[in-house]
Amino acid sequence: MPEALASLPSQLQQRRKAGILPSLEDLLFYTIAEGQEKIPAHKFTTALKATGLRTGDPRLKECMEMLKVTLKTTSDGALDRHLFKKCVQSNIVLLTQAFRKKFVIPDFQSFSAHIDELYENAKNMSGGQVADYIPQLARFSPDLWAVALCTVDGQRHTVGDTKVPFCLQSCVKPLKYAIAVHDHGTEYVHRFIGKEPSGLRFNKLFLNEDDKPHNPMVNAGAIVCTSLIKQGASNAEKFDYVMNFMNKLAGNEYVGFSNATFQSERESGDRNFAIGYYLKEKKCFPEGTDMTSILDFYFQLCSIEVTCESASVMAATLANGGFCPITGERVLSPESVRNTLSLMHSCGMYDFSGQFAFHVGLPAKSGVAGGILLVVPNVMGIMCWSPPLDKLGNSVRGIQFCTDLVSLCNFHNYDNLRHFAKKLDPRREGGDQRVKSVINLLFAAYTGDVSALRRFALSSMDMEQRDYDSRTALHVAAAEGHAEVVRFLLEACKVNPVPKDRWGNTPMDEAVHFGHHDVVTILRDYHNQYTHQEGSTAKKNEENLDGML
């Protein structure tokens, strides 16, 4: 990905003479063009992917459609500045954020490389058994292994068998609980279901002291939770309702249904029928509930299919407080997301929940198909999938990946305590800081962002650094007429008031050219003062030299 904020080739001089100011689209063009007059379309899409964004991102639909149309009008598949501007202007805010590395994971390529290493490490794990109590699950190869992630800004990375559909199974439990709380509120849902870890196998016929299921993540709680969704409607209407939610959670990526798994679940569901009758006996359901119909619906929801890719967007919607990152749509209420993450943290990993909370410290939910839905709040959602399970019903490779991820990165809930051992923080920028600081400095000067400039100065940034056309922040601020920025750079940062760019222009030349009279006055006053001080210093040095001689 181009790292330098490319400054302006010779044609910009002509534009400046015409009095046209550079826009964000122009700055983005020069960033990607790296001094060339045109950008090949593949270079733009490659640079875009390096930020973590996909060309198929729904938020970039207008840009990509315009790009297709525009490329038909070019002979060489390249975009000049005007064509580029035409393509990006409808999505310029998102694109500018991406290329300024303002997303939650700034160095996304570096982070993706770490994810690939963790994936390869877990790939070598052997052991575990593919679930076979449902015939459909037993058909999956034990060699299948996939990891997909989606950040809260919609950055995507996938590795392995991420397009193979598999059933959510128990990974659907937190999602349907979230839907129930979204629709009815916390108080109503927890009239029927508890909030405590059970300390027992997920499919035990056991209730708490109030004759309620312990929590929504065990089968008894999930069956009761299923009865709270769209009460009074037919199963067909209920199923459509949940599928609509699932599609929104996944940003309209793949969500399907395995009828074969549903039939298998129903035929081999004796334990769940026993739980259902026990719940009915203890009056755990809302009044008027048809228990056998609810069990059918329960089996259907377990048989909803996703891919690692689509499920990572679902997890990212939870990480993002209920807003789907790639559509921007509010899917779930903040209350429902907070409750769901709390219960995933304490009860989401079967009898391994306490260990997982201790070692990984993140909300997660596993399923017997081999999926682990992992949420890093305010950062990203991850879906790991590999069918071989350990004796507690969790994916062997998935557990290894989650453990390794938190060993490497400071994602554990309590990694950010003061004085704690340092781990990699992917939320901070690394890499070529000098190039990035030039980009950030010139953008701040261009937009008149004095508070950002204050932060840069406070962090000991060189406020006189130049891009490769030798333009400084003072040049840019003077050209844009940002008097406050000019005054700050001169008075607070003591920058040289007369730096010359590669065309020999000073900030004064820029201010005069664009008619920014207030900036001209500031520069002139400061320049006179600067020259006077320079003269006095030279005279003092001369006198000192005479004294020494």
Protein backbone atom coordinates (compact mmCIF):
# COMPACT_ATOMS: atom_id res chain seq x y z
CA MET A 1 0.00 0.00 0.00
CA PRO A 2 1.35 3.47 -0.78
CA GLU A 3 2.52 4.94 2.51
CA ALA A 4 3.53 8.47 1.55
CA LEU A 5 1.08 11.30 1.16
CA ALA A 6 2.23 11.98 -2.38
CA SER A 7 2.53 15.67 -2.86
CA LEU A 8 1.69 17.50 -5.90
CA PRO A 9 3.14 16.88 -9.36
CA SER A 10 3.71 19.65 -11.87
CA GLN A 11 0.06 19.77 -12.95
CA LEU A 12 -0.89 20.95 -9.45
CA GLN A 13 1.16 24.09 -10.02
CA GLN A 14 -1.17 24.92 -12.91
CA ARG A 15 -4.19 24.19 -10.74
CA ARG A 16 -2.84 26.48 -8.05
CA LYS A 17 -2.43 29.23 -10.62
CA ALA A 18 -6.06 28.65 -11.55
CA GLY A 19 -6.97 29.10 -7.88
CA ILE A 20 -8.35 25.56 -7.37
CA LEU A 21 -7.72 24.11 -3.92
CA PRO A 22 -6.88 20.43 -3.48
CA SER A 23 -9.78 18.38 -2.13
CA LEU A 24 -9.71 15.18 -0.07
CA GLU A 25 -10.19 13.32 -3.35
CA ASP A 26 -7.08 15.03 -4.75
CA LEU A 27 -5.04 14.24 -1.66
CA LEU A 28 -6.14 10.60 -1.87
CA PHE A 29 -5.21 10.52 -5.57
CA TYR A 30 -1.71 11.83 -4.86
CA THR A 31 -1.33 9.37 -1.98
CA ILE A 32 -2.01 6.37 -4.22
CA ALA A 33 -0.48 7.74 -7.43
CA GLU A 34 2.96 8.18 -5.84
CA GLY A 35 4.00 10.88 -8.28
CA GLN A 36 2.41 9.32 -11.39
CA GLU A 37 -0.17 11.09 -13.56
CA LYS A 38 -2.55 8.10 -13.53
CA ILE A 39 -3.53 5.27 -11.20
CA PRO A 40 -4.01 1.79 -12.74
CA ALA A 41 -7.32 0.41 -11.46
CA HIS A 42 -5.66 -2.73 -10.06
CA LYS A 43 -3.27 -0.54 -8.05
CA PHE A 44 -6.22 1.22 -6.43
CA THR A 45 -8.00 -2.04 -5.55
CA THR A 46 -4.76 -3.59 -4.25
CA ALA A 47 -4.09 -0.54 -2.08
CA LEU A 48 -7.70 -0.70 -0.86
CA LYS A 49 -7.42 -4.37 0.14
CA ALA A 50 -4.22 -3.60 2.06
CA THR A 51 -6.27 -1.34 4.38
CA GLY A 52 -8.54 -4.34 5.14
CA LEU A 53 -11.49 -3.12 3.08
CA ARG A 54 -13.00 -5.37 0.42
CA THR A 55 -14.10 -4.23 -3.01
CA GLY A 56 -17.41 -5.98 -2.28
CA ASP A 57 -17.99 -3.92 0.89
CA PRO A 58 -21.60 -2.61 0.71
CA ARG A 59 -20.37 0.83 1.85
CA LEU A 60 -18.20 1.08 -1.30
CA LYS A 61 -20.95 0.03 -3.70
CA GLU A 62 -21.21 3.42 -5.46
CA CYS A 63 -17.44 3.70 -5.79
CA MET A 64 -17.04 0.20 -7.28
CA GLU A 65 -19.97 0.61 -9.66
CA MET A 66 -18.61 3.94 -10.86
CA LEU A 67 -15.15 2.36 -11.25
CA LYS A 68 -16.58 -0.36 -13.53
CA VAL A 69 -18.44 2.18 -15.65
CA THR A 70 -15.46 4.54 -15.82
CA LEU A 71 -12.95 1.85 -16.81
CA LYS A 72 -15.03 1.10 -19.91
CA THR A 73 -14.23 4.64 -21.11
CA THR A 74 -10.45 4.23 -20.72
CA SER A 75 -8.11 2.47 -23.11
CA ASP A 76 -5.39 1.63 -20.58
CA GLY A 77 -7.43 0.70 -17.47
CA ALA A 78 -5.98 3.65 -15.57
CA LEU A 79 -7.60 6.64 -13.87
CA ASP A 80 -6.39 10.21 -14.16
CA ARG A 81 -7.16 12.62 -11.34
CA HIS A 82 -10.57 13.66 -12.72
CA LEU A 83 -11.76 10.09 -13.34
CA PHE A 84 -10.45 8.99 -9.93
CA LYS A 85 -12.32 11.82 -8.23
CA LYS A 86 -15.50 10.81 -10.05
CA CYS A 87 -15.15 7.24 -8.74
CA VAL A 88 -14.32 7.96 -5.10
CA GLN A 89 -16.30 11.08 -4.27
CA SER A 90 -19.42 9.24 -3.05
CA ASN A 91 -17.35 7.22 -0.52
CA ILE A 92 -14.54 9.69 0.19
CA VAL A 93 -14.96 9.79 3.98
CA LEU A 94 -14.56 6.01 4.38
CA LEU A 95 -11.69 5.86 1.88
CA THR A 96 -9.86 8.75 3.53
CA GLN A 97 -10.17 7.04 6.92
CA ALA A 98 -8.79 3.83 5.41
CA PHE A 99 -5.77 5.42 3.76
CA ARG A 100 -5.00 7.66 6.74
CA LYS A 101 -4.90 4.45 8.84
CA LYS A 102 -7.67 5.69 11.09
CA PHE A 103 -9.31 2.26 11.42
CA VAL A 104 -9.21 0.27 14.66
CA ILE A 105 -6.32 -1.88 13.33
CA PRO A 106 -4.06 0.67 11.57
CA ASP A 107 -1.38 -1.76 10.31
CA PHE A 108 -3.81 -4.32 9.00
CA GLN A 109 -1.37 -6.21 6.77
CA SER A 110 1.00 -6.74 9.69
CA PHE A 111 -1.86 -7.94 11.92
CA SER A 112 -3.14 -10.27 9.18
CA ALA A 113 0.32 -11.84 8.92
CA HIS A 114 0.19 -12.57 12.67
CA ILE A 115 -3.26 -14.17 12.25
CA ASP A 116 -1.89 -16.38 9.45
CA GLU A 117 0.94 -17.54 11.73
CA LEU A 118 -1.51 -18.41 14.53
CA TYR A 119 -3.68 -20.24 12.00
CA GLU A 120 -0.72 -22.34 10.80
CA ASN A 121 0.30 -23.10 14.37
CA ALA A 122 -3.19 -24.43 15.22
CA LYS A 123 -3.40 -26.30 11.91
CA ASN A 124 -0.73 -28.69 13.16
CA MET A 125 -2.91 -29.70 16.13
CA SER A 126 -4.19 -33.25 16.02
CA GLY A 127 -6.60 -34.94 18.37
CA GLY A 128 -10.27 -34.44 19.05
CA GLN A 129 -13.25 -36.20 17.50
CA VAL A 130 -15.76 -34.95 14.94
CA ALA A 131 -19.24 -34.94 16.53
CA ASP A 132 -21.18 -37.98 15.31
CA TYR A 133 -24.37 -38.01 17.38
CA ILE A 134 -25.97 -36.19 14.45
CA PRO A 135 -25.11 -38.13 11.24
CA GLN A 136 -24.84 -34.93 9.17
CA LEU A 137 -22.06 -33.55 11.42
CA ALA A 138 -20.01 -36.77 11.16
CA ARG A 139 -19.64 -36.20 7.40
CA PHE A 140 -17.26 -33.23 7.80
CA SER A 141 -13.55 -33.83 7.24
CA PRO A 142 -11.41 -33.44 10.39
CA ASP A 143 -8.88 -31.53 8.25
CA LEU A 144 -11.18 -28.55 7.67
CA TRP A 145 -9.86 -25.45 9.46
CA ALA A 146 -10.77 -21.80 8.95
CA VAL A 147 -10.45 -18.43 10.64
CA ALA A 148 -12.23 -15.25 9.54
CA LEU A 149 -12.28 -11.87 11.20
CA CYS A 150 -14.13 -8.61 10.71
CA THR A 151 -13.24 -5.46 12.64
CA VAL A 152 -15.70 -2.85 13.85
CA ASP A 153 -14.57 -0.72 10.88
CA GLY A 154 -15.30 -3.54 8.41
CA GLN A 155 -11.69 -4.63 7.83
CA ARG A 156 -11.69 -8.28 6.75
CA HIS A 157 -9.21 -11.13 6.75
CA THR A 158 -9.78 -14.82 6.10
CA VAL A 159 -7.54 -17.87 6.02
CA GLY A 160 -8.35 -21.52 5.35
CA ASP A 161 -11.71 -23.09 4.45
CA THR A 162 -13.70 -19.93 5.14
CA LYS A 163 -16.32 -20.40 2.41
CA VAL A 164 -17.49 -23.88 3.48
CA PRO A 165 -21.01 -23.73 5.02
CA PHE A 166 -21.57 -25.35 8.42
CA CYS A 167 -24.37 -25.24 10.99
CA LEU A 168 -24.28 -22.76 13.86
CA GLN A 169 -25.55 -25.36 16.36
CA SER A 170 -24.98 -23.87 19.85
CA CYS A 171 -23.34 -20.73 18.37
CA VAL A 172 -26.90 -19.63 17.61
CA LYS A 173 -27.75 -19.53 21.35
CA PRO A 174 -26.28 -16.08 22.12
CA LEU A 175 -27.78 -14.69 18.91
CA LYS A 176 -31.35 -15.80 19.67
CA TYR A 177 -30.95 -14.62 23.27
CA ALA A 178 -29.91 -11.21 21.89
CA ILE A 179 -33.00 -11.17 19.67
CA ALA A 180 -35.25 -12.03 22.64
CA VAL A 181 -33.78 -9.23 24.80
CA HIS A 182 -33.90 -6.81 21.84
CA ASP A 183 -37.62 -7.54 21.45
CA HIS A 184 -38.73 -7.87 25.09
CA GLY A 185 -36.07 -6.28 27.32
CA THR A 186 -33.89 -7.84 30.02
CA GLU A 187 -36.45 -7.99 32.80
CA TYR A 188 -39.01 -10.00 30.80
CA VAL A 189 -36.52 -12.53 29.40
CA HIS A 190 -34.99 -13.22 32.81
CA ARG A 191 -38.37 -13.95 34.34
CA PHE A 192 -37.93 -17.28 32.55
CA ILE A 193 -34.14 -17.82 32.45
CA GLY A 194 -31.31 -17.35 34.97
CA LYS A 195 -27.92 -15.70 34.49
CA GLU A 196 -25.57 -18.07 36.35
CA PRO A 197 -23.17 -20.70 35.00
CA SER A 198 -24.65 -24.13 35.76
CA GLY A 199 -21.45 -26.03 36.50
CA LEU A 200 -23.08 -28.97 34.70
CA ARG A 201 -23.08 -30.47 31.21
CA PHE A 202 -24.98 -28.35 28.70
CA ASN A 203 -27.71 -30.97 28.15
CA LYS A 204 -28.51 -31.87 31.79
CA LEU A 205 -32.10 -32.07 33.02
CA PHE A 206 -31.47 -29.63 35.80
CA LEU A 207 -32.92 -26.26 36.89
CA ASN A 208 -31.82 -23.67 39.44
CA GLU A 209 -33.43 -23.22 42.85
CA ASP A 210 -36.13 -21.01 41.30
CA ASP A 211 -37.03 -23.77 38.83
CA LYS A 212 -35.58 -21.80 35.92
CA PRO A 213 -32.88 -22.89 33.46
CA HIS A 214 -29.50 -21.63 34.70
CA ASN A 215 -28.70 -19.47 31.62
CA PRO A 216 -29.52 -19.15 27.90
CA MET A 217 -26.28 -20.91 26.82
CA VAL A 218 -27.29 -24.39 28.06
CA ASN A 219 -29.92 -26.40 26.21
CA ALA A 220 -32.70 -25.93 28.78
CA GLY A 221 -32.21 -22.12 28.74
CA ALA A 222 -31.93 -22.01 24.95
CA ILE A 223 -35.18 -23.98 24.54
CA VAL A 224 -37.02 -21.55 26.85
CA CYS A 225 -35.38 -18.62 25.07
CA THR A 226 -36.65 -20.01 21.73
CA SER A 227 -40.20 -19.89 23.14
CA LEU A 228 -39.89 -16.12 23.75
CA ILE A 229 -39.28 -15.22 20.10
CA LYS A 230 -42.28 -13.93 18.15
CA GLN A 231 -44.82 -15.52 20.49
CA GLY A 232 -48.16 -16.38 18.91
CA ALA A 233 -46.77 -16.58 15.37
CA SER A 234 -46.48 -19.79 13.33
CA ASN A 235 -43.13 -21.56 13.15
CA ALA A 236 -42.79 -20.46 9.52
CA GLU A 237 -43.21 -16.79 10.52
CA LYS A 238 -40.84 -17.21 13.48
CA PHE A 239 -38.18 -18.83 11.30
CA ASP A 240 -38.40 -16.04 8.70
CA TYR A 241 -38.18 -13.48 11.50
CA VAL A 242 -34.96 -14.98 12.93
CA MET A 243 -33.44 -15.48 9.46
CA ASN A 244 -34.06 -11.81 8.73
CA PHE A 245 -32.15 -10.93 11.91
CA MET A 246 -29.34 -13.33 10.98
CA ASN A 247 -29.01 -11.76 7.54
CA LYS A 248 -28.78 -8.30 9.07
CA LEU A 249 -26.23 -9.47 11.65
CA ALA A 250 -24.14 -10.95 8.80
CA GLY A 251 -24.37 -7.82 6.63
CA ASN A 252 -26.39 -9.87 4.10
CA GLU A 253 -23.57 -12.35 3.61
CA TYR A 254 -24.23 -16.10 3.48
CA VAL A 255 -26.90 -17.43 5.85
CA GLY A 256 -28.55 -20.72 4.86
CA PHE A 257 -30.36 -23.71 6.31
CA SER A 258 -29.51 -27.41 6.37
CA ASN A 259 -32.75 -29.36 6.20
CA ALA A 260 -30.84 -32.65 6.49
CA THR A 261 -29.28 -31.51 9.78
CA PHE A 262 -32.70 -30.33 11.02
CA GLN A 263 -34.24 -33.74 10.27
CA SER A 264 -31.28 -35.49 11.97
CA GLU A 265 -31.55 -33.22 15.02
CA ARG A 266 -35.24 -33.98 15.34
CA GLU A 267 -34.77 -37.75 14.91
CA SER A 268 -31.88 -37.95 17.40
CA GLY A 269 -33.21 -35.34 19.86
CA ASP A 270 -34.44 -37.59 22.66
CA ARG A 271 -32.45 -35.72 25.33
CA ASN A 272 -33.84 -32.38 24.15
CA PHE A 273 -37.37 -33.78 24.14
CA ALA A 274 -36.78 -34.99 27.72
CA ILE A 275 -35.59 -31.48 28.67
CA GLY A 276 -38.63 -30.00 26.91
CA TYR A 277 -41.08 -32.14 28.88
CA TYR A 278 -39.24 -31.39 32.12
CA LEU A 279 -39.48 -27.65 31.38
CA LYS A 280 -43.18 -28.05 30.58
CA GLU A 281 -43.77 -29.92 33.87
CA LYS A 282 -42.01 -27.13 35.81
CA LYS A 283 -44.05 -24.46 33.98
CA CYS A 284 -40.92 -22.77 32.61
CA PHE A 285 -42.54 -21.62 29.34
CA PRO A 286 -44.80 -18.59 28.82
CA GLU A 287 -48.46 -19.52 29.15
CA GLY A 288 -49.96 -21.16 26.06
CA THR A 289 -46.62 -22.39 24.65
CA ASP A 290 -46.76 -25.50 22.42
CA MET A 291 -43.65 -27.30 23.64
CA THR A 292 -43.25 -29.74 20.72
CA SER A 293 -43.61 -26.89 18.24
CA ILE A 294 -40.94 -24.93 20.15
CA LEU A 295 -38.58 -27.93 19.98
CA ASP A 296 -39.06 -28.06 16.21
CA PHE A 297 -38.18 -24.36 16.04
CA TYR A 298 -35.20 -24.96 18.37
CA PHE A 299 -33.84 -27.69 16.03
CA GLN A 300 -34.38 -25.41 13.04
CA LEU A 301 -32.34 -22.60 14.60
CA CYS A 302 -29.48 -25.03 15.40
CA SER A 303 -29.51 -26.00 11.70
CA ILE A 304 -28.99 -22.45 10.36
CA GLU A 305 -25.89 -22.46 8.17
CA VAL A 306 -23.15 -19.84 7.95
CA THR A 307 -19.61 -19.67 6.63
CA CYS A 308 -16.66 -18.49 8.70
CA GLU A 309 -16.77 -15.25 6.69
CA SER A 310 -20.45 -14.44 7.30
CA ALA A 311 -20.27 -15.51 10.97
CA SER A 312 -17.28 -13.20 11.56
CA VAL A 313 -19.53 -10.28 10.56
CA MET A 314 -22.15 -11.49 13.06
CA ALA A 315 -19.48 -11.52 15.78
CA ALA A 316 -18.29 -8.08 14.66
CA THR A 317 -21.86 -6.74 14.98
CA LEU A 318 -21.76 -7.83 18.63
CA ALA A 319 -18.28 -6.27 19.01
CA ASN A 320 -19.67 -3.06 17.50
CA GLY A 321 -22.51 -2.63 20.01
CA GLY A 322 -25.23 -3.92 17.69
CA PHE A 323 -24.32 -1.98 14.52
CA CYS A 324 -23.30 -4.15 11.56
CA PRO A 325 -19.85 -2.82 10.54
CA ILE A 326 -20.25 -3.36 6.79
CA THR A 327 -23.77 -1.95 6.40
CA GLY A 328 -23.86 0.58 9.24
CA GLU A 329 -27.33 -0.70 10.19
CA ARG A 330 -28.44 -0.88 13.83
CA VAL A 331 -29.44 -4.54 14.27
CA LEU A 332 -29.55 -5.05 18.05
CA SER A 333 -30.10 -2.75 21.03
CA PRO A 334 -27.08 -1.87 23.23
CA GLU A 335 -28.81 -3.58 26.17
CA SER A 336 -29.18 -6.87 24.30
CA VAL A 337 -25.54 -6.82 23.14
CA ARG A 338 -24.18 -6.06 26.61
CA ASN A 339 -26.24 -8.88 28.18
CA THR A 340 -25.24 -11.32 25.45
CA LEU A 341 -21.51 -10.61 25.80
CA SER A 342 -21.74 -10.90 29.60
CA LEU A 343 -23.33 -14.36 29.37
CA MET A 344 -20.97 -15.51 26.61
CA HIS A 345 -18.08 -14.53 28.87
CA SER A 346 -19.33 -16.53 31.85
CA CYS A 347 -21.24 -19.42 30.22
CA GLY A 348 -20.37 -19.63 26.53
CA MET A 349 -17.83 -22.46 26.39
CA TYR A 350 -19.68 -25.36 28.05
CA ASP A 351 -17.77 -26.75 31.06
CA PHE A 352 -14.62 -24.97 29.86
CA SER A 353 -16.19 -21.50 30.39
CA GLY A 354 -14.27 -20.70 33.58
CA GLN A 355 -10.95 -21.79 32.10
CA PHE A 356 -11.63 -19.87 28.89
CA ALA A 357 -12.61 -16.71 30.82
CA PHE A 358 -9.41 -17.06 32.85
CA HIS A 359 -6.96 -17.70 30.00
CA VAL A 360 -8.59 -15.90 27.05
CA GLY A 361 -10.76 -13.35 28.87
CA LEU A 362 -13.13 -12.68 25.95
CA PRO A 363 -16.82 -13.44 25.25
CA ALA A 364 -17.14 -16.57 23.09
CA LYS A 365 -19.59 -19.33 22.16
CA SER A 366 -18.76 -22.73 20.82
CA GLY A 367 -20.88 -25.23 18.92
CA VAL A 368 -20.63 -28.97 18.21
CA ALA A 369 -20.17 -28.34 14.48
CA GLY A 370 -16.71 -27.01 15.45
CA GLY A 371 -17.35 -23.27 15.45
CA ILE A 372 -16.14 -20.76 18.03
CA LEU A 373 -17.71 -17.32 17.81
CA LEU A 374 -15.23 -14.94 19.49
CA VAL A 375 -15.84 -11.25 20.26
CA VAL A 376 -13.14 -8.67 21.01
CA PRO A 377 -15.41 -5.79 22.18
CA ASN A 378 -14.92 -2.52 20.27
CA VAL A 379 -12.30 -4.19 18.06
CA MET A 380 -13.45 -7.22 16.04
CA GLY A 381 -15.43 -10.42 15.71
CA ILE A 382 -13.80 -13.74 14.82
CA MET A 383 -15.19 -17.11 13.77
CA CYS A 384 -12.89 -20.14 14.04
CA TRP A 385 -14.13 -23.42 12.63
CA SER A 386 -12.66 -26.91 12.75
CA PRO A 387 -14.86 -30.00 13.34
CA PRO A 388 -12.66 -32.11 15.72
CA LEU A 389 -13.85 -31.45 19.29
CA ASP A 390 -12.24 -32.02 22.68
CA LYS A 391 -14.03 -34.00 25.42
CA LEU A 392 -15.92 -30.85 26.52
CA GLY A 393 -17.34 -30.24 23.02
CA ASN A 394 -15.07 -27.37 21.95
CA SER A 395 -13.04 -27.18 18.72
CA VAL A 396 -9.47 -28.30 19.47
CA ARG A 397 -7.90 -25.98 16.88
CA GLY A 398 -10.30 -23.16 17.74
CA ILE A 399 -9.33 -23.21 21.44
CA GLN A 400 -5.64 -23.24 20.49
CA PHE A 401 -6.10 -20.27 18.14
CA CYS A 402 -8.01 -18.19 20.73
CA THR A 403 -5.40 -18.95 23.40
CA ASP A 404 -2.51 -18.06 21.06
CA LEU A 405 -4.24 -14.86 19.94
CA VAL A 406 -4.51 -13.55 23.50
CA SER A 407 -0.95 -14.67 24.29
CA LEU A 408 0.23 -12.48 21.40
CA CYS A 409 -2.15 -9.50 21.58
CA ASN A 410 -3.45 -7.53 24.56
CA PHE A 411 -7.08 -8.52 23.92
CA HIS A 412 -7.73 -10.25 27.27
CA ASN A 413 -10.30 -8.31 29.26
CA TYR A 414 -7.68 -7.46 31.89
CA ASP A 415 -4.58 -7.00 29.74
CA ASN A 416 -4.91 -3.23 29.92
CA LEU A 417 -4.42 -2.97 33.67
CA ARG A 418 -1.70 -0.53 34.65
CA HIS A 419 1.82 -1.95 34.97
CA PHE A 420 0.77 -5.15 33.19
CA ALA A 421 3.27 -6.98 30.97
CA LYS A 422 3.41 -5.55 27.47
CA LYS A 423 1.95 -7.49 24.55
CA LEU A 424 1.41 -6.53 20.94
CA ASP A 425 -1.38 -3.92 20.65
CA PRO A 426 -2.68 -4.07 17.05
CA ARG A 427 -4.74 -0.94 17.78
CA ARG A 428 -1.56 1.16 17.76
CA GLU A 429 0.39 2.13 14.69
CA GLY A 430 3.79 0.64 14.00
CA GLY A 431 5.93 0.49 10.89
CA ASP A 432 7.36 3.52 9.12
CA GLN A 433 6.48 6.24 11.59
CA ARG A 434 8.29 9.02 9.74
CA VAL A 435 6.23 8.55 6.58
CA LYS A 436 3.01 8.29 8.60
CA SER A 437 3.84 11.38 10.63
CA VAL A 438 4.28 13.39 7.39
CA ILE A 439 0.87 12.19 6.22
CA ASN A 440 -0.82 13.05 9.52
CA LEU A 441 0.96 16.39 9.86
CA LEU A 442 0.01 17.60 6.37
CA PHE A 443 -3.59 16.38 6.69
CA ALA A 444 -3.93 18.26 9.98
CA ALA A 445 -2.50 21.42 8.40
CA TYR A 446 -4.77 20.99 5.37
CA THR A 447 -7.95 20.61 7.46
CA GLY A 448 -7.00 23.30 10.01
CA ASP A 449 -6.92 20.79 12.86
CA VAL A 450 -4.96 22.75 15.49
CA SER A 451 -5.74 20.28 18.27
CA ALA A 452 -4.12 17.47 16.26
CA LEU A 453 -1.10 19.68 15.60
CA ARG A 454 -0.84 20.39 19.33
CA ARG A 455 -0.81 16.64 20.00
CA PHE A 456 1.87 16.12 17.36
CA ALA A 457 4.04 18.91 18.79
CA LEU A 458 3.56 17.51 22.30
CA SER A 459 4.73 14.08 21.12
CA SER A 460 7.99 15.63 19.85
CA MET A 461 7.07 15.29 16.18
CA ASP A 462 9.30 17.26 13.80
CA MET A 463 6.90 20.04 12.76
CA GLU A 464 9.18 21.10 9.89
CA GLN A 465 9.30 17.73 8.15
CA ARG A 466 8.58 17.76 4.43
CA ASP A 467 6.88 15.54 1.88
CA TYR A 468 8.82 14.57 -1.24
CA ASP A 469 7.96 17.87 -2.95
CA SER A 470 9.58 19.59 0.07
CA ARG A 471 6.28 21.08 1.17
CA THR A 472 5.85 21.69 4.90
CA ALA A 473 2.78 21.97 7.11
CA LEU A 474 3.29 25.75 6.97
CA HIS A 475 3.06 25.69 3.16
CA VAL A 476 -0.21 23.75 3.31
CA ALA A 477 -1.77 25.85 6.10
CA ALA A 478 -0.83 29.11 4.31
CA ALA A 479 -2.33 27.86 1.02
CA GLU A 480 -5.56 26.89 2.79
CA GLY A 481 -5.80 30.14 4.76
CA HIS A 482 -5.74 28.54 8.20
CA ALA A 483 -4.46 31.57 10.17
CA GLU A 484 -4.67 29.81 13.55
CA VAL A 485 -2.57 26.91 12.28
CA VAL A 486 0.00 29.30 10.76
CA ARG A 487 0.24 31.23 14.04
CA PHE A 488 0.60 28.01 16.06
CA LEU A 489 3.36 26.65 13.80
CA LEU A 490 5.27 29.93 13.91
CA GLU A 491 4.82 30.97 17.52
CA ALA A 492 4.49 27.69 19.42
CA CYS A 493 6.60 25.41 17.22
CA LYS A 494 9.12 28.05 16.04
CA VAL A 495 9.22 26.59 12.54
CA ASN A 496 11.25 28.26 9.79
CA PRO A 497 8.87 30.85 8.24
CA VAL A 498 10.56 30.77 4.81
CA PRO A 499 11.01 27.10 3.77
CA LYS A 500 11.03 26.57 0.00
CA ASP A 501 9.32 23.70 -1.78
CA ARG A 502 10.77 22.09 -4.88
CA TRP A 503 9.33 24.86 -7.05
CA GLY A 504 10.95 27.54 -4.87
CA ASN A 505 7.66 28.67 -3.29
CA THR A 506 7.51 29.86 0.33
CA PRO A 507 4.42 29.83 2.56
CA MET A 508 4.18 33.59 1.90
CA ASP A 509 3.95 32.91 -1.86
CA GLU A 510 1.08 30.49 -1.20
CA ALA A 511 -0.82 32.94 1.00
CA VAL A 512 -0.40 35.80 -1.51
CA HIS A 513 -1.43 33.60 -4.42
CA PHE A 514 -4.67 32.49 -2.79
CA GLY A 515 -5.51 35.91 -1.34
CA HIS A 516 -5.34 34.99 2.33
CA HIS A 517 -4.52 38.51 3.57
CA ASP A 518 -4.66 37.66 7.29
CA VAL A 519 -2.10 34.89 6.75
CA VAL A 520 0.09 37.22 4.70
CA THR A 521 0.10 39.71 7.61
CA ILE A 522 1.03 37.03 10.16
CA LEU A 523 3.84 35.69 7.97
CA ARG A 524 5.19 39.16 7.15
CA ASP A 525 5.26 40.25 10.81
CA TYR A 526 6.88 37.03 11.91
CA HIS A 527 9.35 37.06 9.02
CA ASN A 528 10.54 40.56 9.94
CA GLN A 529 10.92 39.52 13.56
CA TYR A 530 12.72 36.31 12.52
CA THR A 531 15.11 38.18 10.23
CA HIS A 532 15.85 40.71 12.97
CA GLN A 533 16.60 37.91 15.45
CA GLU A 534 18.78 36.13 12.91
CA GLY A 535 20.72 39.37 12.32
CA SER A 536 21.19 39.92 16.07
CA THR A 537 22.43 36.36 16.54
CA ALA A 538 24.89 36.71 13.65
CA LYS A 539 26.19 40.01 15.10
CA LYS A 540 26.63 38.41 18.57
CA ASN A 541 28.51 35.48 17.06
CA GLU A 542 30.80 37.91 15.22
CA GLU A 543 31.50 39.86 18.43
CA ASN A 544 32.22 36.64 20.32
CA LEU A 545 34.63 35.54 17.59
CA ASP A 546 36.43 38.94 17.73
CA GLY A 547 36.74 38.57 21.52
CA MET A 548 38.23 35.11 21.18
CA LEU A 549 40.77 36.35 18.64
